[in-house]
Amino acid sequence: MKIIVQPLGLPGLSEIIGKKAEFEFSGGTILDLVAFIVKKHGLKARQILLDNEGEVDSIIQFIINEEGFLHRDDFTSRHLKDGDILKFLLLAGGG
């Protein structure tokens, strides 16, 4: 199946995969897709997407098909479907 990935606010990831990338993905969850991207693009992708424990970095959030931000628990339970658009976003705080 095809999944479209758009990294927003992650210039390092955009440099690796482009501003809009289409991946042939055999299916699974968001975490499965992150693991797929890290395996395909190596250490630089790992440094951008994962923390020191190998988990998705807490500063990264996801939106599927404009449905709003996903809760971190959904990263392992939400299965992607053919044609899904997954946006990777960098969370920013401030005041």
C-alpha atoms as a PDB file:
ATOM      1  CA  MET A   1       0.000   0.000   0.000  1.00  0.00           C
ATOM      2  CA  LYS A   2       1.057   3.600  -0.462  1.00  0.00           C
ATOM      3  CA  ILE A   3       1.413   6.032   2.423  1.00  0.00           C
ATOM      4  CA  ILE A   4       2.233   9.704   1.914  1.00  0.00           C
ATOM      5  CA  VAL A   5       4.509  11.266   4.531  1.00  0.00           C
ATOM      6  CA  GLN A   6       4.902  15.006   5.005  1.00  0.00           C
ATOM      7  CA  PRO A   7       7.508  16.167   7.527  1.00  0.00           C
ATOM      8  CA  LEU A   8       6.515  19.600   8.847  1.00  0.00           C
ATOM      9  CA  GLY A   9       8.994  21.527  10.969  1.00  0.00           C
ATOM     10  CA  LEU A  10      11.537  18.725  10.640  1.00  0.00           C
ATOM     11  CA  PRO A  11      14.042  20.081   8.110  1.00  0.00           C
ATOM     12  CA  GLY A  12      16.465  17.214   8.679  1.00  0.00           C
ATOM     13  CA  LEU A  13      13.796  14.671   7.776  1.00  0.00           C
ATOM     14  CA  SER A  14      12.711  16.769   4.787  1.00  0.00           C
ATOM     15  CA  GLU A  15      16.301  16.678   3.536  1.00  0.00           C
ATOM     16  CA  ILE A  16      16.296  12.884   3.727  1.00  0.00           C
ATOM     17  CA  ILE A  17      12.864  12.006   2.325  1.00  0.00           C
ATOM     18  CA  GLY A  18      11.681  15.265   0.735  1.00  0.00           C
ATOM     19  CA  LYS A  19       8.814  17.567   1.669  1.00  0.00           C
ATOM     20  CA  LYS A  20       6.293  14.987   0.525  1.00  0.00           C
ATOM     21  CA  ALA A  21       7.284  11.349   0.164  1.00  0.00           C
ATOM     22  CA  GLU A  22       5.305   8.324  -0.942  1.00  0.00           C
ATOM     23  CA  PHE A  23       6.282   5.017   0.629  1.00  0.00           C
ATOM     24  CA  GLU A  24       5.318   1.526  -0.460  1.00  0.00           C
ATOM     25  CA  PHE A  25       4.550   0.077   2.946  1.00  0.00           C
ATOM     26  CA  SER A  26       3.364  -3.441   3.672  1.00  0.00           C
ATOM     27  CA  GLY A  27       1.063  -2.240   6.418  1.00  0.00           C
ATOM     28  CA  GLY A  28       0.991  -1.807  10.130  1.00  0.00           C
ATOM     29  CA  THR A  29       0.938   0.956  12.690  1.00  0.00           C
ATOM     30  CA  ILE A  30       2.522   4.380  12.813  1.00  0.00           C
ATOM     31  CA  LEU A  31       5.415   2.922  14.804  1.00  0.00           C
ATOM     32  CA  ASP A  32       5.882   0.271  12.116  1.00  0.00           C
ATOM     33  CA  LEU A  33       6.138   3.027   9.492  1.00  0.00           C
ATOM     34  CA  VAL A  34       8.631   4.976  11.614  1.00  0.00           C
ATOM     35  CA  ALA A  35      10.741   1.805  11.958  1.00  0.00           C
ATOM     36  CA  PHE A  36      10.475   1.294   8.178  1.00  0.00           C
ATOM     37  CA  ILE A  37      11.691   4.851   7.504  1.00  0.00           C
ATOM     38  CA  VAL A  38      14.568   4.487   9.990  1.00  0.00           C
ATOM     39  CA  LYS A  39      15.607   1.172   8.434  1.00  0.00           C
ATOM     40  CA  LYS A  40      15.428   2.622   4.922  1.00  0.00           C
ATOM     41  CA  HIS A  41      17.222   5.908   5.684  1.00  0.00           C
ATOM     42  CA  GLY A  42      19.595   4.916   8.469  1.00  0.00           C
ATOM     43  CA  LEU A  43      21.280   6.738  11.296  1.00  0.00           C
ATOM     44  CA  LYS A  44      20.274  10.279  10.350  1.00  0.00           C
ATOM     45  CA  ALA A  45      16.579   9.340  10.278  1.00  0.00           C
ATOM     46  CA  ARG A  46      17.011   7.514  13.595  1.00  0.00           C
ATOM     47  CA  GLN A  47      18.592  10.581  15.200  1.00  0.00           C
ATOM     48  CA  ILE A  48      15.715  12.780  14.017  1.00  0.00           C
ATOM     49  CA  LEU A  49      12.811  10.477  14.865  1.00  0.00           C
ATOM     50  CA  LEU A  50      13.874   8.428  17.891  1.00  0.00           C
ATOM     51  CA  ASP A  51      15.104   9.234  21.377  1.00  0.00           C
ATOM     52  CA  ASN A  52      18.027   7.558  23.165  1.00  0.00           C
ATOM     53  CA  GLU A  53      15.804   4.614  24.166  1.00  0.00           C
ATOM     54  CA  GLY A  54      14.707   3.991  20.572  1.00  0.00           C
ATOM     55  CA  GLU A  55      11.186   5.359  21.105  1.00  0.00           C
ATOM     56  CA  VAL A  56       9.553   8.045  18.954  1.00  0.00           C
ATOM     57  CA  ASP A  57      10.975  11.291  20.293  1.00  0.00           C
ATOM     58  CA  SER A  58       8.481  13.103  22.525  1.00  0.00           C
ATOM     59  CA  ILE A  59       8.842  16.278  20.453  1.00  0.00           C
ATOM     60  CA  ILE A  60       7.336  14.554  17.400  1.00  0.00           C
ATOM     61  CA  GLN A  61       3.597  14.315  16.830  1.00  0.00           C
ATOM     62  CA  PHE A  62       1.506  12.852  14.017  1.00  0.00           C
ATOM     63  CA  ILE A  63      -1.659  13.757  12.133  1.00  0.00           C
ATOM     64  CA  ILE A  64      -3.376  11.276   9.807  1.00  0.00           C
ATOM     65  CA  ASN A  65      -5.598  12.656   7.046  1.00  0.00           C
ATOM     66  CA  GLU A  66      -6.252  15.969   8.818  1.00  0.00           C
ATOM     67  CA  GLU A  67      -7.942  14.150  11.748  1.00  0.00           C
ATOM     68  CA  GLY A  68      -6.008  16.090  14.380  1.00  0.00           C
ATOM     69  CA  PHE A  69      -3.121  15.140  16.609  1.00  0.00           C
ATOM     70  CA  LEU A  70      -2.901  11.495  17.599  1.00  0.00           C
ATOM     71  CA  HIS A  71      -2.449  10.505  21.212  1.00  0.00           C
ATOM     72  CA  ARG A  72       0.834   8.681  21.834  1.00  0.00           C
ATOM     73  CA  ASP A  73      -1.102   5.506  22.699  1.00  0.00           C
ATOM     74  CA  ASP A  74      -2.445   5.528  19.130  1.00  0.00           C
ATOM     75  CA  PHE A  75       1.074   5.193  17.677  1.00  0.00           C
ATOM     76  CA  THR A  76       0.946   1.441  18.354  1.00  0.00           C
ATOM     77  CA  SER A  77      -2.750   0.838  17.786  1.00  0.00           C
ATOM     78  CA  ARG A  78      -3.665   2.977  14.778  1.00  0.00           C
ATOM     79  CA  HIS A  79      -3.228   0.967  11.597  1.00  0.00           C
ATOM     80  CA  LEU A  80      -2.470   2.828   8.407  1.00  0.00           C
ATOM     81  CA  LYS A  81      -4.508   2.307   5.254  1.00  0.00           C
ATOM     82  CA  ASP A  82      -3.653   2.656   1.592  1.00  0.00           C
ATOM     83  CA  GLY A  83      -3.654   6.324   0.623  1.00  0.00           C
ATOM     84  CA  ASP A  84      -3.291   7.686   4.168  1.00  0.00           C
ATOM     85  CA  ILE A  85      -1.437  10.972   4.517  1.00  0.00           C
ATOM     86  CA  LEU A  86       0.699  11.024   7.646  1.00  0.00           C
ATOM     87  CA  LYS A  87       2.169  14.324   8.755  1.00  0.00           C
ATOM     88  CA  PHE A  88       5.181  14.314  11.061  1.00  0.00           C
ATOM     89  CA  LEU A  89       5.208  17.509  13.141  1.00  0.00           C
ATOM     90  CA  LEU A  90       7.696  19.014  15.521  1.00  0.00           C
ATOM     91  CA  LEU A  91       5.970  20.141  18.691  1.00  0.00           C
ATOM     92  CA  ALA A  92       6.991  23.596  19.772  1.00  0.00           C
ATOM     93  CA  GLY A  93       6.283  25.277  23.035  1.00  0.00           C
ATOM     94  CA  GLY A  94       6.577  28.789  24.166  1.00  0.00           C
ATOM     95  CA  GLY A  95       4.874  31.495  26.003  1.00  0.00           C
END
